[in-house]
């Protein structure tokens, strides 16, 4: 889904700068899914696989975004 405080590209750049590997798909190797508004099939798949899910507020706190 979409994020309200930043674009997907901005979020991706921040995560990469922190050393994260960012993927466009969800698998059993995925550690976290950042779920924005209107999250769809990726959220469902992450839930089914037991992947940790962060909402936008949790993600922003994690990266200390002001």
N, C-alpha and C. Protein backbone atom coordinates (compact mmCIF):
# COMPACT_ATOMS: atom_id res chain seq x y z
N UNK A 1 0.82 -1.18 0.00
CA UNK A 1 0.00 0.00 0.00
C UNK A 1 0.86 1.25 0.00
N UNK A 2 0.24 2.38 -0.10
CA UNK A 2 0.97 3.64 -0.16
C UNK A 2 1.27 4.16 1.24
N UNK A 3 2.36 4.91 1.34
CA UNK A 3 2.74 5.55 2.59
C UNK A 3 2.34 7.02 2.51
N UNK A 4 1.92 7.59 3.63
CA UNK A 4 1.44 8.97 3.59
C UNK A 4 2.56 9.99 3.85
N UNK A 5 3.63 9.60 4.55
CA UNK A 5 4.68 10.56 4.91
C UNK A 5 5.89 10.54 3.99
N UNK A 6 5.97 9.57 3.10
CA UNK A 6 7.09 9.50 2.17
C UNK A 6 6.72 8.58 1.02
N UNK A 7 7.48 8.68 -0.05
CA UNK A 7 7.24 7.79 -1.18
C UNK A 7 7.89 6.43 -0.91
N UNK A 8 7.51 5.45 -1.69
CA UNK A 8 8.14 4.13 -1.57
C UNK A 8 9.63 4.22 -1.85
N UNK A 9 9.99 5.05 -2.86
CA UNK A 9 11.41 5.19 -3.19
C UNK A 9 12.20 5.80 -2.03
N UNK A 10 11.61 6.78 -1.34
CA UNK A 10 12.28 7.37 -0.18
C UNK A 10 12.47 6.33 0.91
N UNK A 11 11.43 5.55 1.18
CA UNK A 11 11.51 4.52 2.21
C UNK A 11 12.59 3.50 1.83
N UNK A 12 12.62 3.12 0.57
CA UNK A 12 13.61 2.16 0.09
C UNK A 12 15.02 2.70 0.28
N UNK A 13 15.24 3.97 -0.08
CA UNK A 13 16.56 4.58 0.07
C UNK A 13 17.00 4.60 1.53
N UNK A 14 16.09 4.95 2.42
CA UNK A 14 16.40 4.98 3.85
C UNK A 14 16.80 3.60 4.33
N UNK A 15 16.02 2.59 3.95
CA UNK A 15 16.30 1.23 4.40
C UNK A 15 17.63 0.73 3.86
N UNK A 16 17.91 0.99 2.60
CA UNK A 16 19.18 0.57 2.02
C UNK A 16 20.34 1.25 2.72
N UNK A 17 20.18 2.54 3.05
CA UNK A 17 21.25 3.26 3.74
C UNK A 17 21.50 2.69 5.13
N UNK A 18 20.50 2.00 5.68
CA UNK A 18 20.64 1.36 6.99
C UNK A 18 21.16 -0.08 6.87
N UNK A 19 21.41 -0.52 5.63
CA UNK A 19 21.96 -1.85 5.41
C UNK A 19 20.94 -2.92 5.12
N UNK A 20 19.69 -2.53 4.93
CA UNK A 20 18.64 -3.51 4.64
C UNK A 20 18.65 -3.91 3.17
N UNK A 21 18.21 -5.11 2.93
CA UNK A 21 17.98 -5.57 1.56
C UNK A 21 16.48 -5.41 1.32
N UNK A 22 16.11 -4.66 0.30
CA UNK A 22 14.71 -4.36 0.03
C UNK A 22 14.26 -5.18 -1.17
N UNK A 23 13.11 -5.84 -1.02
CA UNK A 23 12.57 -6.68 -2.08
C UNK A 23 11.17 -6.24 -2.43
N UNK A 24 10.77 -6.49 -3.64
CA UNK A 24 9.42 -6.16 -4.06
C UNK A 24 8.44 -7.29 -3.87
N UNK A 25 8.93 -8.40 -3.32
CA UNK A 25 8.05 -9.55 -3.11
C UNK A 25 8.19 -10.05 -1.68
N UNK A 26 7.25 -10.87 -1.26
CA UNK A 26 7.24 -11.44 0.08
C UNK A 26 7.49 -12.93 -0.01
N UNK A 27 8.41 -13.43 0.81
CA UNK A 27 8.68 -14.87 0.86
C UNK A 27 8.97 -15.25 2.30
N UNK A 28 9.24 -16.52 2.51
CA UNK A 28 9.56 -16.99 3.86
C UNK A 28 10.88 -16.41 4.36
N UNK A 29 11.68 -15.85 3.46
CA UNK A 29 12.94 -15.22 3.86
C UNK A 29 12.78 -13.75 4.23
N UNK A 30 11.58 -13.21 4.06
CA UNK A 30 11.30 -11.81 4.39
C UNK A 30 11.25 -11.66 5.90
N UNK A 31 11.96 -10.64 6.41
CA UNK A 31 11.95 -10.38 7.85
C UNK A 31 10.80 -9.46 8.26
N UNK A 32 10.56 -8.40 7.48
CA UNK A 32 9.52 -7.42 7.80
C UNK A 32 8.79 -6.98 6.54
N UNK A 33 7.53 -6.64 6.72
CA UNK A 33 6.75 -6.00 5.67
C UNK A 33 6.27 -4.68 6.25
N UNK A 34 6.49 -3.59 5.51
CA UNK A 34 5.95 -2.30 5.91
C UNK A 34 4.65 -2.13 5.15
N UNK A 35 3.56 -2.10 5.89
CA UNK A 35 2.24 -2.07 5.27
C UNK A 35 1.66 -0.66 5.36
N UNK A 36 1.45 -0.06 4.22
CA UNK A 36 0.82 1.26 4.15
C UNK A 36 -0.68 1.12 3.97
N UNK A 37 -1.30 2.24 3.62
CA UNK A 37 -2.74 2.22 3.37
C UNK A 37 -3.07 1.31 2.19
N UNK A 38 -4.18 0.66 2.27
CA UNK A 38 -4.67 -0.22 1.21
C UNK A 38 -3.67 -1.31 0.85
N UNK A 39 -3.00 -1.84 1.87
CA UNK A 39 -2.10 -2.97 1.63
C UNK A 39 -2.93 -4.14 1.12
N UNK A 40 -2.42 -4.83 0.15
CA UNK A 40 -3.21 -5.87 -0.49
C UNK A 40 -2.66 -7.26 -0.33
N UNK A 41 -2.36 -7.89 -1.45
CA UNK A 41 -1.98 -9.30 -1.45
C UNK A 41 -0.66 -9.57 -0.72
N UNK A 42 0.25 -8.61 -0.73
CA UNK A 42 1.52 -8.81 -0.03
C UNK A 42 1.28 -8.90 1.48
N UNK A 43 0.34 -8.12 1.98
CA UNK A 43 0.00 -8.19 3.41
C UNK A 43 -0.60 -9.55 3.74
N UNK A 44 -1.46 -10.03 2.90
CA UNK A 44 -2.08 -11.34 3.10
C UNK A 44 -1.01 -12.43 3.10
N UNK A 45 -0.10 -12.38 2.12
CA UNK A 45 0.95 -13.38 2.04
C UNK A 45 1.86 -13.31 3.25
N UNK A 46 2.24 -12.09 3.67
CA UNK A 46 3.10 -11.93 4.84
C UNK A 46 2.44 -12.51 6.08
N UNK A 47 1.16 -12.26 6.23
CA UNK A 47 0.41 -12.80 7.37
C UNK A 47 0.41 -14.32 7.34
N UNK A 48 0.15 -14.88 6.17
CA UNK A 48 0.13 -16.34 6.01
C UNK A 48 1.49 -16.96 6.32
N UNK A 49 2.57 -16.26 5.99
CA UNK A 49 3.93 -16.78 6.21
C UNK A 49 4.48 -16.46 7.60
N UNK A 50 3.73 -15.67 8.38
CA UNK A 50 4.20 -15.32 9.72
C UNK A 50 5.29 -14.25 9.72
N UNK A 51 5.33 -13.44 8.67
CA UNK A 51 6.31 -12.36 8.56
C UNK A 51 5.87 -11.21 9.48
N UNK A 52 6.84 -10.59 10.18
CA UNK A 52 6.54 -9.44 11.03
C UNK A 52 6.06 -8.28 10.16
N UNK A 53 4.98 -7.62 10.60
CA UNK A 53 4.39 -6.54 9.83
C UNK A 53 4.46 -5.25 10.64
N UNK A 54 4.98 -4.20 10.00
CA UNK A 54 5.04 -2.88 10.62
C UNK A 54 4.07 -1.97 9.89
N UNK A 55 3.29 -1.19 10.64
CA UNK A 55 2.50 -0.16 9.97
C UNK A 55 3.40 1.06 9.78
N UNK A 56 2.90 2.06 9.11
CA UNK A 56 3.74 3.23 8.79
C UNK A 56 4.26 3.93 10.05
N UNK A 57 3.41 4.07 11.06
CA UNK A 57 3.83 4.72 12.30
C UNK A 57 4.98 3.96 12.97
N UNK A 58 4.87 2.65 13.02
CA UNK A 58 5.95 1.83 13.61
C UNK A 58 7.23 1.96 12.81
N UNK A 59 7.12 1.97 11.48
CA UNK A 59 8.28 2.12 10.62
C UNK A 59 8.96 3.47 10.86
N UNK A 60 8.17 4.54 10.93
CA UNK A 60 8.75 5.86 11.13
C UNK A 60 9.45 5.97 12.48
N UNK A 61 8.90 5.35 13.51
CA UNK A 61 9.57 5.33 14.82
C UNK A 61 10.86 4.55 14.74
N UNK A 62 10.85 3.46 14.02
CA UNK A 62 12.03 2.61 13.89
C UNK A 62 13.18 3.36 13.23
N UNK A 63 12.87 4.16 12.22
CA UNK A 63 13.94 4.89 11.53
C UNK A 63 14.13 6.29 12.09
N UNK A 64 13.36 6.64 13.14
CA UNK A 64 13.46 7.94 13.80
C UNK A 64 13.23 9.07 12.80
N UNK A 65 12.17 8.96 12.02
CA UNK A 65 11.83 9.95 11.00
C UNK A 65 11.00 11.05 11.62
N UNK A 66 11.42 12.28 11.45
CA UNK A 66 10.65 13.42 12.00
C UNK A 66 9.91 14.14 10.93
